[in-house]
Amino acid sequence: MSTKNNNTTGIFCDHGPTLWQTNQSGLLTNNRLAVKDVFAVKGERNSAGNPHWFKTAKPAQNTASSVNKLMTAGCNFIGFTHTDELAYSLEGNNIHYGTAQNPKLKGHACGGSSMGSAAAVAANLADIGLGTDTGGSIRIPASYCGLYGIRPSHNVIEKDGLIPLAPPFDTIGWLTQSADLLSDVGNVLLTNQAINNVDTLVICEPLFELVDPALLAPLKQLLEKTKPNFKHHKEFELPNSSLLNELADSFRVLQGRAIAKTHKDWLQLQGQLPQFAPAIAARFNMALALTDQEEQEALKVQTQWQTLIAKNLNTNSCLFLPTTPTTAPKLGADTSALRMQIITLSAIAGLSGSAQVHLPLADLANDHPYGFSLMMSHGNDKSLLACVKHLAAHFKQDTPA
């Protein structure tokens, strides 16, 4: 394998293998694979987006199962990709290694934390971008960069060889330019799942209130174009709409507590936090300060939400929802005012452990990438991917040549 990278700012890491192929036959033969720098490759070190982490890391003893499966299916590993530090951000910004510019929208952000993998695919430097999604790190870059992206059901893909962020929410996801390839990767990484006919579209109107008013009309047009592909349509039964307002904070607390339990010993070593960007360090300090009582209150909200999802979704239904409240922000823009809306939309799948796919099917007048998501309850990933593949083909047929 080659170990030299022609680095593209903010996209590919300088370390790690490139042009590495172990099998020249398989479902994914010769597809270029870009891998977020949190996955183990035997004999290599990971930075997880932080030079100090890289300096203290030891070479991996084994390659992550997920990477091994993709290599066995014929992928060509072309490099590790940059991430926000320890994947603890949705902004797609790294003060140490640079920030990838959105290939689909010059001067705009890719979103994080799987920014390098998203940028590599959007720039047609890679066919498959392997990443992680804890609080939106696949779905948000997919929305901003105009890609298909999946956050699978929690724990349906082995997470060995993965640098964790918050294990109760960490998932291994991927990004592609097409629904067909998204599904092919699923056939490699997802096993032992039945494919059911998805004939019911579930709609939750209050979620549309989280979206920028300028995007409401195109989002509703996407909904109307989606509806004919489903035999049944039903409203999401939400007896207490205020519950939506509690999702973001509950996710923030539960994610933070999980991060503290996972990384506390390392973070509290003298001189560790100053090695991070100030915003990331502040986030870690917040996580370390959370209490047992806050966690217990957040768990109650999570249980309520899981009960609602189980009531509203089954093996034959999927939820239509916005992926992000806006299109990609400009590089360096202050997005703090949007953070709770972004986390709320991401927590819908995150708190319930559900599978969610972003479909980049909007056709906005300003050419900004945008789309929507479909979500299915836990364990229905392959049914969701089959549904997405069918829907993408339908949209393509309806697009004028």
Protein backbone atom coordinates (compact mmCIF):
# COMPACT_ATOMS: atom_id res chain seq x y z
CA MET A 1 0.00 0.00 0.00
CA SER A 2 1.11 3.57 -0.60
CA THR A 3 1.37 5.82 2.45
CA LYS A 4 1.73 9.20 0.80
CA ASN A 5 -1.26 11.51 0.40
CA ASN A 6 -1.62 14.42 -1.95
CA ASN A 7 -3.39 16.44 0.71
CA THR A 8 -6.43 18.51 -0.14
CA THR A 9 -6.97 21.21 2.49
CA GLY A 10 -9.39 20.10 5.15
CA ILE A 11 -10.28 16.86 3.36
CA PHE A 12 -7.51 14.24 3.47
CA CYS A 13 -5.09 13.58 6.31
CA ASP A 14 -1.34 13.43 5.63
CA HIS A 15 -1.03 10.18 7.58
CA GLY A 16 -2.47 6.79 6.77
CA PRO A 17 -2.57 4.50 3.72
CA THR A 18 -3.70 5.46 0.23
CA LEU A 19 -4.31 3.40 -2.89
CA TRP A 20 -4.77 0.31 -0.77
CA GLN A 21 -6.84 -2.51 -2.22
CA THR A 22 -7.04 -6.04 -0.82
CA ASN A 23 -9.61 -7.56 -3.18
CA GLN A 24 -10.28 -6.75 -6.83
CA SER A 25 -13.68 -8.41 -6.97
CA GLY A 26 -16.87 -7.89 -5.02
CA LEU A 27 -19.98 -5.75 -4.90
CA LEU A 28 -17.98 -2.54 -4.39
CA THR A 29 -15.06 -3.28 -6.71
CA ASN A 30 -12.87 -0.22 -7.42
CA ASN A 31 -15.11 2.19 -5.53
CA ARG A 32 -12.83 4.79 -3.94
CA LEU A 33 -13.23 4.75 -0.16
CA ALA A 34 -12.47 7.79 2.04
CA VAL A 35 -12.46 6.97 5.76
CA LYS A 36 -13.00 9.36 8.66
CA ASP A 37 -9.90 9.49 10.84
CA VAL A 38 -11.51 7.65 13.75
CA PHE A 39 -11.43 4.13 12.23
CA ALA A 40 -8.59 1.75 13.00
CA VAL A 41 -6.37 0.43 10.22
CA LYS A 42 -3.78 -2.10 11.33
CA GLY A 43 -0.39 -0.50 11.89
CA GLU A 44 -1.73 3.06 11.57
CA ARG A 45 -2.48 5.80 14.09
CA ASN A 46 -5.55 8.06 14.16
CA SER A 47 -5.68 11.75 15.07
CA ALA A 48 -9.45 11.95 15.69
CA GLY A 49 -9.02 15.54 14.51
CA ASN A 50 -6.49 16.51 17.20
CA PRO A 51 -2.67 16.56 16.84
CA HIS A 52 -2.14 15.83 20.55
CA TRP A 53 -4.34 12.74 20.31
CA PHE A 54 -2.32 11.61 17.28
CA LYS A 55 0.98 12.18 19.11
CA THR A 56 -0.08 9.96 22.02
CA ALA A 57 -1.90 7.31 19.95
CA LYS A 58 -0.50 3.84 19.40
CA PRO A 59 -0.66 2.02 16.04
CA ALA A 60 -3.79 -0.10 15.71
CA GLN A 61 -3.43 -3.82 16.32
CA ASN A 62 -6.33 -4.63 13.98
CA THR A 63 -8.43 -2.99 11.28
CA ALA A 64 -12.01 -2.04 12.15
CA SER A 65 -14.53 -4.68 11.03
CA SER A 66 -16.49 -2.11 9.02
CA VAL A 67 -13.40 -1.11 7.04
CA ASN A 68 -12.42 -4.76 6.57
CA LYS A 69 -15.84 -5.60 5.12
CA LEU A 70 -15.67 -2.74 2.63
CA MET A 71 -12.16 -3.73 1.59
CA THR A 72 -13.24 -7.36 1.16
CA ALA A 73 -16.07 -6.11 -1.07
CA GLY A 74 -13.49 -4.55 -3.39
CA CYS A 75 -13.12 -0.94 -2.24
CA ASN A 76 -9.95 1.03 -2.90
CA PHE A 77 -8.95 2.84 0.32
CA ILE A 78 -7.72 6.29 -0.77
CA GLY A 79 -7.12 7.95 2.59
CA PHE A 80 -8.16 9.03 6.05
CA THR A 81 -10.29 12.18 6.12
CA HIS A 82 -10.38 15.06 8.58
CA THR A 83 -12.97 15.38 11.32
CA ASP A 84 -13.92 17.93 13.94
CA GLU A 85 -11.97 17.21 17.12
CA LEU A 86 -13.03 13.85 18.59
CA ALA A 87 -16.11 14.25 16.35
CA TYR A 88 -17.63 16.58 18.97
CA SER A 89 -19.02 19.26 16.66
CA LEU A 90 -21.53 19.68 13.86
CA GLU A 91 -19.77 22.67 12.28
CA GLY A 92 -17.16 20.99 10.07
CA ASN A 93 -14.33 23.17 11.33
CA ASN A 94 -10.89 22.13 12.54
CA ILE A 95 -8.41 24.77 13.72
CA HIS A 96 -5.49 22.35 13.46
CA TYR A 97 -5.92 20.84 10.01
CA GLY A 98 -8.04 23.36 8.15
CA THR A 99 -11.66 23.52 7.11
CA ALA A 100 -12.93 21.82 3.99
CA GLN A 101 -14.88 24.12 1.69
CA ASN A 102 -18.21 22.76 0.45
CA PRO A 103 -17.48 21.45 -3.08
CA LYS A 104 -21.12 21.97 -4.08
CA LEU A 105 -21.36 25.55 -2.76
CA LYS A 106 -18.24 27.69 -2.84
CA GLY A 107 -17.57 29.66 0.32
CA HIS A 108 -19.92 27.54 2.43
CA ALA A 109 -19.40 24.92 5.12
CA CYS A 110 -19.61 21.15 4.73
CA GLY A 111 -20.98 20.60 8.22
CA GLY A 112 -19.48 18.17 10.69
CA SER A 113 -18.13 16.15 12.07
CA SER A 114 -17.69 13.83 9.04
CA MET A 115 -16.67 16.83 6.97
CA GLY A 116 -13.66 15.33 5.19
CA SER A 117 -15.54 12.25 4.04
CA ALA A 118 -18.43 14.41 2.82
CA ALA A 119 -16.16 16.83 0.99
CA ALA A 120 -14.25 13.98 -0.66
CA VAL A 121 -17.45 12.47 -2.07
CA ALA A 122 -19.00 15.82 -3.02
CA ALA A 123 -15.80 16.79 -4.88
CA ASN A 124 -15.82 13.41 -6.68
CA LEU A 125 -12.50 12.50 -5.10
CA ALA A 126 -14.15 9.45 -3.50
CA ASP A 127 -17.19 7.32 -4.23
CA ILE A 128 -17.92 6.30 -0.63
CA GLY A 129 -17.31 8.40 2.45
CA LEU A 130 -17.23 6.33 5.63
CA GLY A 131 -17.97 8.29 8.78
CA THR A 132 -19.75 8.32 12.09
CA ASP A 133 -22.99 9.88 13.24
CA THR A 134 -23.62 10.48 16.93
CA GLY A 135 -25.64 13.69 16.83
CA GLY A 136 -25.93 14.35 13.09
CA SER A 137 -22.38 14.00 11.77
CA ILE A 138 -23.43 12.14 8.61
CA ARG A 139 -26.87 13.64 8.09
CA ILE A 140 -25.85 17.30 8.35
CA PRO A 141 -22.93 17.09 5.88
CA ALA A 142 -25.20 15.09 3.56
CA SER A 143 -27.75 17.90 3.64
CA TYR A 144 -25.20 20.69 3.19
CA CYS A 145 -23.19 18.92 0.46
CA GLY A 146 -26.07 17.42 -1.55
CA LEU A 147 -25.29 13.77 -0.81
CA TYR A 148 -27.13 10.65 0.21
CA GLY A 149 -26.21 9.81 3.77
CA ILE A 150 -27.34 7.23 6.30
CA ARG A 151 -27.27 7.09 10.05
CA PRO A 152 -28.05 3.39 10.63
CA SER A 153 -29.98 2.00 13.56
CA HIS A 154 -27.91 2.03 16.72
CA ASN A 155 -25.62 -0.98 17.18
CA VAL A 156 -26.54 -2.80 13.94
CA ILE A 157 -22.97 -2.40 12.66
CA GLU A 158 -19.98 -3.54 14.71
CA LYS A 159 -18.09 -0.61 16.23
CA ASP A 160 -14.81 -2.33 17.03
CA GLY A 161 -11.79 -0.29 15.98
CA LEU A 162 -13.73 2.97 16.31
CA ILE A 163 -12.64 5.87 18.50
CA PRO A 164 -15.85 6.47 20.48
CA LEU A 165 -17.52 9.76 21.27
CA ALA A 166 -20.71 8.75 23.09
CA PRO A 167 -21.25 4.97 22.73
CA PRO A 168 -25.02 4.97 23.47
CA PHE A 169 -25.49 7.13 20.35
CA ASP A 170 -22.45 6.42 18.13
CA THR A 171 -23.23 4.87 14.74
CA ILE A 172 -21.19 4.07 11.64
CA GLY A 173 -22.65 5.77 8.57
CA TRP A 174 -21.70 6.55 4.99
CA LEU A 175 -22.16 9.10 2.22
CA THR A 176 -22.53 8.64 -1.54
CA GLN A 177 -23.62 10.53 -4.66
CA SER A 178 -26.31 7.96 -5.48
CA ALA A 179 -29.02 5.99 -3.74
CA ASP A 180 -27.90 2.84 -5.58
CA LEU A 181 -24.40 2.97 -4.12
CA LEU A 182 -25.75 3.91 -0.69
CA SER A 183 -27.81 0.71 -0.82
CA ASP A 184 -24.88 -1.39 -2.09
CA VAL A 185 -22.77 -0.34 0.88
CA GLY A 186 -25.69 -1.30 3.11
CA ASN A 187 -25.73 -4.76 1.57
CA VAL A 188 -22.10 -5.15 2.66
CA LEU A 189 -22.32 -3.66 6.15
CA LEU A 190 -25.87 -4.63 7.16
CA THR A 191 -26.62 -8.31 7.57
CA ASN A 192 -29.56 -10.45 8.65
CA GLN A 193 -32.28 -7.88 8.01
CA ALA A 194 -35.50 -8.58 6.15
CA ILE A 195 -36.62 -6.12 3.49
CA ASN A 196 -40.24 -5.14 4.02
CA ASN A 197 -42.56 -3.22 1.73
CA VAL A 198 -42.75 0.36 3.03
CA ASP A 199 -46.23 1.52 2.07
CA THR A 200 -47.02 4.16 4.71
CA LEU A 201 -45.63 7.70 4.92
CA VAL A 202 -45.86 9.31 8.34
CA ILE A 203 -45.87 13.11 8.57
CA CYS A 204 -45.18 15.22 11.67
CA GLU A 205 -46.28 18.78 10.87
CA PRO A 206 -44.70 20.42 13.98
CA LEU A 207 -41.26 19.49 12.64
CA PHE A 208 -41.74 21.89 9.74
CA GLU A 209 -41.80 24.75 12.25
CA LEU A 210 -38.09 24.12 12.90
CA VAL A 211 -37.18 24.99 9.31
CA ASP A 212 -36.17 28.36 7.88
CA PRO A 213 -39.41 29.92 6.54
CA ALA A 214 -37.76 30.40 3.14
CA LEU A 215 -37.42 26.61 2.84
CA LEU A 216 -40.95 25.70 3.86
CA ALA A 217 -42.42 25.90 0.36
CA PRO A 218 -39.75 23.72 -1.32
CA LEU A 219 -39.87 21.26 1.59
CA LYS A 220 -43.63 20.90 1.23
CA GLN A 221 -43.22 20.47 -2.53
CA LEU A 222 -40.85 17.58 -1.79
CA LEU A 223 -43.45 16.10 0.54
CA GLU A 224 -46.17 16.33 -2.11
CA LYS A 225 -43.87 14.72 -4.67
CA THR A 226 -43.05 11.95 -2.20
CA LYS A 227 -46.62 11.10 -1.18
CA PRO A 228 -47.72 9.29 -4.39
CA ASN A 229 -45.04 6.65 -3.76
CA PHE A 230 -46.85 5.47 -0.64
CA LYS A 231 -50.23 3.78 -0.43
CA HIS A 232 -51.07 5.27 2.96
CA HIS A 233 -50.38 8.61 4.63
CA LYS A 234 -50.84 9.27 8.33
CA GLU A 235 -50.13 11.97 10.85
CA PHE A 236 -47.57 11.36 13.57
CA GLU A 237 -49.53 11.26 16.81
CA LEU A 238 -47.86 13.76 19.11
CA PRO A 239 -50.09 14.20 22.17
CA ASN A 240 -47.72 16.72 23.72
CA SER A 241 -46.01 18.96 21.17
CA SER A 242 -43.86 20.48 23.92
CA LEU A 243 -41.97 17.18 24.01
CA LEU A 244 -40.19 18.25 20.81
CA ASN A 245 -38.80 21.24 22.69
CA GLU A 246 -37.21 18.89 25.22
CA LEU A 247 -35.44 16.62 22.73
CA ALA A 248 -32.40 18.80 22.06
CA ASP A 249 -31.54 19.46 25.69
CA SER A 250 -32.17 15.84 26.65
CA PHE A 251 -29.88 14.64 23.87
CA ARG A 252 -27.24 17.21 24.85
CA VAL A 253 -27.28 15.92 28.44
CA LEU A 254 -27.25 12.21 27.59
CA GLN A 255 -24.57 12.62 24.96
CA GLY A 256 -22.50 14.75 27.34
CA ARG A 257 -22.77 12.23 30.16
CA ALA A 258 -21.74 9.42 27.82
CA ILE A 259 -18.76 11.46 26.62
CA ALA A 260 -17.72 12.18 30.20
CA LYS A 261 -17.91 8.50 31.14
CA THR A 262 -15.94 7.51 28.04
CA HIS A 263 -13.18 10.14 28.06
CA LYS A 264 -13.14 11.55 31.62
CA ASP A 265 -9.81 10.04 32.68
CA TRP A 266 -8.05 11.24 29.54
CA LEU A 267 -9.64 14.69 29.54
CA GLN A 268 -8.75 15.34 33.18
CA LEU A 269 -5.05 14.66 32.71
CA GLN A 270 -3.11 17.88 33.20
CA GLY A 271 -2.81 19.95 30.05
CA GLN A 272 -5.27 18.00 27.91
CA LEU A 273 -8.13 20.45 27.37
CA PRO A 274 -5.88 23.35 26.26
CA GLN A 275 -4.90 21.13 23.32
CA PHE A 276 -8.43 21.55 21.88
CA ALA A 277 -10.08 24.47 20.14
CA PRO A 278 -11.75 26.74 22.74
CA ALA A 279 -15.29 25.85 21.63
CA ILE A 280 -14.56 22.11 21.78
CA ALA A 281 -12.84 22.43 25.16
CA ALA A 282 -15.86 24.33 26.50
CA ARG A 283 -18.11 21.53 25.28
CA PHE A 284 -16.00 18.93 27.09
CA ASN A 285 -16.09 21.02 30.28
CA MET A 286 -19.88 21.19 29.98
CA ALA A 287 -20.03 17.42 29.61
CA LEU A 288 -17.82 16.87 32.65
CA ALA A 289 -20.03 19.16 34.76
CA LEU A 290 -23.35 17.38 34.06
CA THR A 291 -25.00 15.67 37.03
CA ASP A 292 -26.70 12.34 37.71
CA GLN A 293 -29.98 14.17 38.26
CA GLU A 294 -29.78 15.88 34.87
CA GLU A 295 -29.11 12.51 33.29
CA GLN A 296 -32.11 10.89 34.99
CA GLU A 297 -34.44 13.68 33.83
CA ALA A 298 -33.13 13.37 30.28
CA LEU A 299 -33.61 9.60 30.35
CA LYS A 300 -37.30 10.14 31.14
CA VAL A 301 -37.68 12.27 28.01
CA GLN A 302 -35.82 9.66 25.96
CA THR A 303 -38.16 6.92 27.20
CA GLN A 304 -41.22 9.02 26.28
CA TRP A 305 -39.80 9.62 22.82
CA GLN A 306 -38.96 5.96 22.25
CA THR A 307 -42.53 5.05 23.23
CA LEU A 308 -43.92 7.55 20.72
CA ILE A 309 -41.71 6.27 17.92
CA ALA A 310 -42.78 2.69 18.63
CA LYS A 311 -46.42 3.79 18.53
CA ASN A 312 -46.12 5.74 15.27
CA LEU A 313 -43.71 3.63 13.19
CA ASN A 314 -43.62 -0.05 12.26
CA THR A 315 -41.85 -2.27 9.75
CA ASN A 316 -43.97 -0.88 6.89
CA SER A 317 -43.87 2.84 7.62
CA CYS A 318 -41.37 5.69 7.48
CA LEU A 319 -41.33 9.24 8.79
CA PHE A 320 -40.79 12.22 6.47
CA LEU A 321 -38.75 14.92 8.20
CA PRO A 322 -36.44 17.85 7.50
CA THR A 323 -32.76 16.98 7.90
CA THR A 324 -31.50 20.47 8.68
CA PRO A 325 -33.28 23.78 9.33
CA THR A 326 -31.23 25.61 6.68
CA THR A 327 -28.98 25.03 3.72
CA ALA A 328 -25.21 25.15 4.25
CA PRO A 329 -24.08 28.26 6.17
CA LYS A 330 -21.20 30.38 4.91
CA LEU A 331 -17.74 29.44 6.13
CA GLY A 332 -17.09 31.07 9.48
CA ALA A 333 -20.73 32.04 10.03
CA ASP A 334 -22.04 31.99 13.60
CA THR A 335 -24.57 29.15 13.67
CA SER A 336 -25.08 29.08 17.45
CA ALA A 337 -28.65 30.39 17.10
CA LEU A 338 -29.52 27.35 14.97
CA ARG A 339 -27.79 24.78 17.14
CA MET A 340 -30.85 23.72 19.15
CA GLN A 341 -32.99 23.36 16.01
CA ILE A 342 -30.27 21.26 14.37
CA ILE A 343 -29.92 19.06 17.45
CA THR A 344 -33.71 18.68 17.77
CA LEU A 345 -34.00 17.38 14.21
CA SER A 346 -31.01 15.07 14.70
CA ALA A 347 -32.21 13.82 18.10
CA ILE A 348 -35.40 12.39 16.60
CA ALA A 349 -33.43 9.40 15.34
CA GLY A 350 -30.65 9.69 17.89
CA LEU A 351 -32.79 9.29 21.00
CA SER A 352 -34.82 6.47 19.48
CA GLY A 353 -31.92 4.57 17.90
CA SER A 354 -33.70 4.72 14.54
CA ALA A 355 -32.35 4.55 10.99
CA GLN A 356 -32.41 7.78 8.97
CA VAL A 357 -31.38 8.59 5.39
CA HIS A 358 -30.96 12.04 3.85
CA LEU A 359 -32.11 12.37 0.23
CA PRO A 360 -30.61 15.39 -1.64
CA LEU A 361 -33.61 15.84 -3.90
CA ALA A 362 -34.51 19.53 -3.59
CA ASP A 363 -34.18 21.75 -6.65
CA LEU A 364 -33.76 25.22 -5.18
CA ALA A 365 -33.64 28.31 -7.36
CA ASN A 366 -30.32 29.39 -5.80
CA ASP A 367 -28.74 25.95 -6.41
CA HIS A 368 -28.04 25.42 -2.71
CA PRO A 369 -28.07 21.68 -1.90
CA TYR A 370 -31.06 20.66 0.20
CA GLY A 371 -33.43 17.76 0.63
CA PHE A 372 -35.23 15.78 3.31
CA SER A 373 -34.95 12.62 5.36
CA LEU A 374 -36.86 9.38 5.73
CA MET A 375 -36.63 7.53 9.03
CA MET A 376 -37.64 4.01 10.06
CA SER A 377 -37.69 2.35 13.45
CA HIS A 378 -34.71 0.39 14.74
CA GLY A 379 -33.57 -2.57 12.67
CA ASN A 380 -35.33 -1.62 9.43
CA ASP A 381 -32.27 -0.18 7.70
CA LYS A 382 -32.39 -2.34 4.57
CA SER A 383 -36.10 -1.68 4.11
CA LEU A 384 -35.34 2.04 4.39
CA LEU A 385 -32.51 1.84 1.85
CA ALA A 386 -34.75 -0.05 -0.59
CA CYS A 387 -37.44 2.60 -0.14
CA VAL A 388 -34.92 5.41 -0.72
CA LYS A 389 -33.61 3.71 -3.84
CA HIS A 390 -37.14 3.45 -5.26
CA LEU A 391 -37.96 7.05 -4.37
CA ALA A 392 -34.75 8.41 -5.90
CA ALA A 393 -35.54 6.60 -9.16
CA HIS A 394 -39.04 8.11 -9.14
CA PHE A 395 -37.69 11.64 -8.65
CA LYS A 396 -35.17 11.09 -11.45
CA GLN A 397 -37.92 10.00 -13.84
CA ASP A 398 -39.85 13.17 -13.08
CA THR A 399 -36.86 15.46 -13.70
CA PRO A 400 -36.88 17.11 -17.16
CA ALA A 401 -33.90 16.18 -19.34
